[in-house]
Amino acid sequence: MIHHDLQLFRRFKKLRGVGPRILWNETPEAYRHAGAANGGNIFYLDLKMEPALLQEIACNALSMPWTAQPPLSRNTVAKTHALLDRHYSKGTLQEFDTCERLNRWSPLDRLTFHSGNQIKKLRKIYGGAP
């Protein structure tokens, strides 16, 4: 599986973009390979491993704090749930459901996030303090 953004966590000053690095860190060294392209930002994982090990890696990565801002949309959650239900174990699906619930934003959190982005855009247009 080819992935990108291995170095994404270094490009933000806040806790964002750590998912690819967590997946990398959770994968045993024998199954992960980084390339030199794009400053070492591209990597691949060799998925030829025991299904139980792959499930453990997936559950460990899912269980770390999520940094998606805003969090996953309902549509993305439903699609991911269906994919995991079709192709992965019930344990992996249950871990995803638990982690999604723990990382879900309230309606007020979503409104605050989106309002803040709109205020930033208006400040860029009309000037003012950041």
C-alpha atoms as a PDB file:
ATOM      1  CA  MET A   1       0.000   0.000   0.000  1.00  0.00           C
ATOM      2  CA  ILE A   2       1.538   3.289  -1.104  1.00  0.00           C
ATOM      3  CA  HIS A   3       0.925   6.264   1.165  1.00  0.00           C
ATOM      4  CA  HIS A   4       1.999   9.886   1.382  1.00  0.00           C
ATOM      5  CA  ASP A   5       2.423  12.552   4.048  1.00  0.00           C
ATOM      6  CA  LEU A   6       4.877  10.669   6.235  1.00  0.00           C
ATOM      7  CA  GLN A   7       6.414  14.074   7.071  1.00  0.00           C
ATOM      8  CA  LEU A   8       3.085  15.917   7.353  1.00  0.00           C
ATOM      9  CA  PHE A   9       3.308  16.090  11.143  1.00  0.00           C
ATOM     10  CA  ARG A  10       6.406  18.316  10.809  1.00  0.00           C
ATOM     11  CA  ARG A  11       4.647  20.851   8.615  1.00  0.00           C
ATOM     12  CA  PHE A  12       2.078  22.028  11.163  1.00  0.00           C
ATOM     13  CA  LYS A  13       2.582  23.928  14.377  1.00  0.00           C
ATOM     14  CA  LYS A  14      -0.493  22.375  15.990  1.00  0.00           C
ATOM     15  CA  LEU A  15      -1.433  18.729  16.479  1.00  0.00           C
ATOM     16  CA  ARG A  16      -2.524  17.951  12.918  1.00  0.00           C
ATOM     17  CA  GLY A  17      -1.634  15.476  10.251  1.00  0.00           C
ATOM     18  CA  VAL A  18      -0.164  12.721  12.408  1.00  0.00           C
ATOM     19  CA  GLY A  19      -2.179   9.828  10.934  1.00  0.00           C
ATOM     20  CA  PRO A  20       0.381   8.695   8.333  1.00  0.00           C
ATOM     21  CA  ARG A  21       3.185   8.839  10.916  1.00  0.00           C
ATOM     22  CA  ILE A  22       1.142   6.832  13.429  1.00  0.00           C
ATOM     23  CA  LEU A  23       0.447   4.167  10.803  1.00  0.00           C
ATOM     24  CA  TRP A  24       4.180   4.091   9.993  1.00  0.00           C
ATOM     25  CA  ASN A  25       5.155   3.842  13.665  1.00  0.00           C
ATOM     26  CA  GLU A  26       2.648   1.059  14.366  1.00  0.00           C
ATOM     27  CA  THR A  27       3.901  -1.068  11.449  1.00  0.00           C
ATOM     28  CA  PRO A  28       6.857  -3.373  12.191  1.00  0.00           C
ATOM     29  CA  GLU A  29      10.055  -2.240  10.487  1.00  0.00           C
ATOM     30  CA  ALA A  30      10.157  -5.283   8.197  1.00  0.00           C
ATOM     31  CA  TYR A  31       6.873  -4.192   6.567  1.00  0.00           C
ATOM     32  CA  ARG A  32       7.489  -0.455   6.073  1.00  0.00           C
ATOM     33  CA  HIS A  33       9.601   1.283   3.469  1.00  0.00           C
ATOM     34  CA  ALA A  34      10.185   5.008   2.916  1.00  0.00           C
ATOM     35  CA  GLY A  35      11.374   6.521  -0.322  1.00  0.00           C
ATOM     36  CA  ALA A  36      13.561   9.568  -0.830  1.00  0.00           C
ATOM     37  CA  ALA A  37      10.985  11.291  -3.070  1.00  0.00           C
ATOM     38  CA  ASN A  38       9.477  14.536  -1.853  1.00  0.00           C
ATOM     39  CA  GLY A  39      11.767  14.784   1.168  1.00  0.00           C
ATOM     40  CA  GLY A  40      10.991  11.269   2.425  1.00  0.00           C
ATOM     41  CA  ASN A  41       7.283  11.987   2.369  1.00  0.00           C
ATOM     42  CA  ILE A  42       6.238   8.917   0.334  1.00  0.00           C
ATOM     43  CA  PHE A  43       6.208   5.438   1.862  1.00  0.00           C
ATOM     44  CA  TYR A  44       4.713   2.040   1.349  1.00  0.00           C
ATOM     45  CA  LEU A  45       3.613  -0.757   3.622  1.00  0.00           C
ATOM     46  CA  ASP A  46       4.000  -4.400   2.658  1.00  0.00           C
ATOM     47  CA  LEU A  47       0.653  -5.946   3.613  1.00  0.00           C
ATOM     48  CA  LYS A  48       1.903  -9.532   3.205  1.00  0.00           C
ATOM     49  CA  MET A  49       1.551 -10.259   6.896  1.00  0.00           C
ATOM     50  CA  GLU A  50      -0.659 -12.364   9.097  1.00  0.00           C
ATOM     51  CA  PRO A  51      -4.219 -10.987   9.231  1.00  0.00           C
ATOM     52  CA  ALA A  52      -4.044 -10.808  13.042  1.00  0.00           C
ATOM     53  CA  LEU A  53      -0.961  -8.557  12.833  1.00  0.00           C
ATOM     54  CA  LEU A  54      -2.616  -6.327  10.230  1.00  0.00           C
ATOM     55  CA  GLN A  55      -5.684  -6.033  12.489  1.00  0.00           C
ATOM     56  CA  GLU A  56      -3.495  -5.137  15.476  1.00  0.00           C
ATOM     57  CA  ILE A  57      -1.698  -2.436  13.464  1.00  0.00           C
ATOM     58  CA  ALA A  58      -5.004  -1.007  12.217  1.00  0.00           C
ATOM     59  CA  CYS A  59      -6.586  -0.993  15.684  1.00  0.00           C
ATOM     60  CA  ASN A  60      -3.502   0.578  17.285  1.00  0.00           C
ATOM     61  CA  ALA A  61      -3.405   3.306  14.634  1.00  0.00           C
ATOM     62  CA  LEU A  62      -7.149   3.965  14.929  1.00  0.00           C
ATOM     63  CA  SER A  63      -6.902   4.171  18.719  1.00  0.00           C
ATOM     64  CA  MET A  64      -4.485   7.106  18.711  1.00  0.00           C
ATOM     65  CA  PRO A  65      -6.059  10.578  19.021  1.00  0.00           C
ATOM     66  CA  TRP A  66      -7.481  11.716  15.694  1.00  0.00           C
ATOM     67  CA  THR A  67      -6.325  15.010  14.247  1.00  0.00           C
ATOM     68  CA  ALA A  68      -8.904  15.512  11.504  1.00  0.00           C
ATOM     69  CA  GLN A  69     -10.192  19.090  11.554  1.00  0.00           C
ATOM     70  CA  PRO A  70     -13.061  19.137  10.975  1.00  0.00           C
ATOM     71  CA  PRO A  71     -13.714  15.502  11.862  1.00  0.00           C
ATOM     72  CA  LEU A  72     -14.945  12.936   9.369  1.00  0.00           C
ATOM     73  CA  SER A  73     -18.262  13.695   7.713  1.00  0.00           C
ATOM     74  CA  ARG A  74     -21.217  11.368   8.305  1.00  0.00           C
ATOM     75  CA  ASN A  75     -20.888  10.197   4.705  1.00  0.00           C
ATOM     76  CA  THR A  76     -17.199   9.316   5.178  1.00  0.00           C
ATOM     77  CA  VAL A  77     -17.964   7.525   8.447  1.00  0.00           C
ATOM     78  CA  ALA A  78     -20.715   5.477   6.770  1.00  0.00           C
ATOM     79  CA  LYS A  79     -18.483   4.551   3.802  1.00  0.00           C
ATOM     80  CA  THR A  80     -15.583   3.593   6.073  1.00  0.00           C
ATOM     81  CA  HIS A  81     -17.880   1.562   8.324  1.00  0.00           C
ATOM     82  CA  ALA A  82     -19.243  -0.345   5.297  1.00  0.00           C
ATOM     83  CA  LEU A  83     -15.741  -0.991   3.928  1.00  0.00           C
ATOM     84  CA  LEU A  84     -14.475  -2.292   7.260  1.00  0.00           C
ATOM     85  CA  ASP A  85     -17.595  -4.422   7.683  1.00  0.00           C
ATOM     86  CA  ARG A  86     -17.039  -6.032   4.262  1.00  0.00           C
ATOM     87  CA  HIS A  87     -13.280  -6.610   4.399  1.00  0.00           C
ATOM     88  CA  TYR A  88     -12.060  -6.621   7.998  1.00  0.00           C
ATOM     89  CA  SER A  89     -12.781  -8.360  11.279  1.00  0.00           C
ATOM     90  CA  LYS A  90     -15.571  -7.399  13.636  1.00  0.00           C
ATOM     91  CA  GLY A  91     -12.898  -6.311  16.134  1.00  0.00           C
ATOM     92  CA  THR A  92     -11.480  -3.771  13.690  1.00  0.00           C
ATOM     93  CA  LEU A  93     -14.961  -2.491  12.888  1.00  0.00           C
ATOM     94  CA  GLN A  94     -15.802  -2.150  16.589  1.00  0.00           C
ATOM     95  CA  GLU A  95     -12.547  -0.255  17.198  1.00  0.00           C
ATOM     96  CA  PHE A  96     -13.337   2.164  14.365  1.00  0.00           C
ATOM     97  CA  ASP A  97     -16.868   2.735  15.701  1.00  0.00           C
ATOM     98  CA  THR A  98     -15.575   3.352  19.223  1.00  0.00           C
ATOM     99  CA  CYS A  99     -12.824   5.721  18.080  1.00  0.00           C
ATOM    100  CA  GLU A 100     -15.160   7.619  15.753  1.00  0.00           C
ATOM    101  CA  ARG A 101     -17.598   8.132  18.633  1.00  0.00           C
ATOM    102  CA  LEU A 102     -14.791   9.312  20.955  1.00  0.00           C
ATOM    103  CA  ASN A 103     -13.482  11.756  18.324  1.00  0.00           C
ATOM    104  CA  ARG A 104     -16.852  13.064  17.139  1.00  0.00           C
ATOM    105  CA  TRP A 105     -17.447  16.782  17.408  1.00  0.00           C
ATOM    106  CA  SER A 106     -20.629  18.196  18.877  1.00  0.00           C
ATOM    107  CA  PRO A 107     -22.784  20.494  16.727  1.00  0.00           C
ATOM    108  CA  LEU A 108     -21.394  23.444  18.733  1.00  0.00           C
ATOM    109  CA  ASP A 109     -17.795  22.312  18.037  1.00  0.00           C
ATOM    110  CA  ARG A 110     -18.557  22.125  14.301  1.00  0.00           C
ATOM    111  CA  LEU A 111     -20.215  25.553  14.287  1.00  0.00           C
ATOM    112  CA  THR A 112     -17.287  27.077  16.178  1.00  0.00           C
ATOM    113  CA  PHE A 113     -14.761  25.538  13.763  1.00  0.00           C
ATOM    114  CA  HIS A 114     -16.593  26.697  10.638  1.00  0.00           C
ATOM    115  CA  SER A 115     -17.305  30.154  12.082  1.00  0.00           C
ATOM    116  CA  GLY A 116     -13.616  30.584  12.886  1.00  0.00           C
ATOM    117  CA  ASN A 117     -12.679  29.735   9.299  1.00  0.00           C
ATOM    118  CA  GLN A 118     -15.185  32.251   7.958  1.00  0.00           C
ATOM    119  CA  ILE A 119     -13.830  34.953  10.278  1.00  0.00           C
ATOM    120  CA  LYS A 120     -10.267  34.242   9.052  1.00  0.00           C
ATOM    121  CA  LYS A 121     -11.396  34.582   5.433  1.00  0.00           C
ATOM    122  CA  LEU A 122     -13.149  37.873   6.137  1.00  0.00           C
ATOM    123  CA  ARG A 123     -10.080  39.230   7.930  1.00  0.00           C
ATOM    124  CA  LYS A 124      -7.934  38.395   4.904  1.00  0.00           C
ATOM    125  CA  ILE A 125     -10.368  40.230   2.643  1.00  0.00           C
ATOM    126  CA  TYR A 126     -11.064  43.268   4.826  1.00  0.00           C
ATOM    127  CA  GLY A 127      -7.971  43.349   7.030  1.00  0.00           C
ATOM    128  CA  GLY A 128      -7.767  43.198  10.771  1.00  0.00           C
ATOM    129  CA  ALA A 129      -6.017  41.208  13.455  1.00  0.00           C
ATOM    130  CA  PRO A 130      -5.656  37.451  12.845  1.00  0.00           C
END
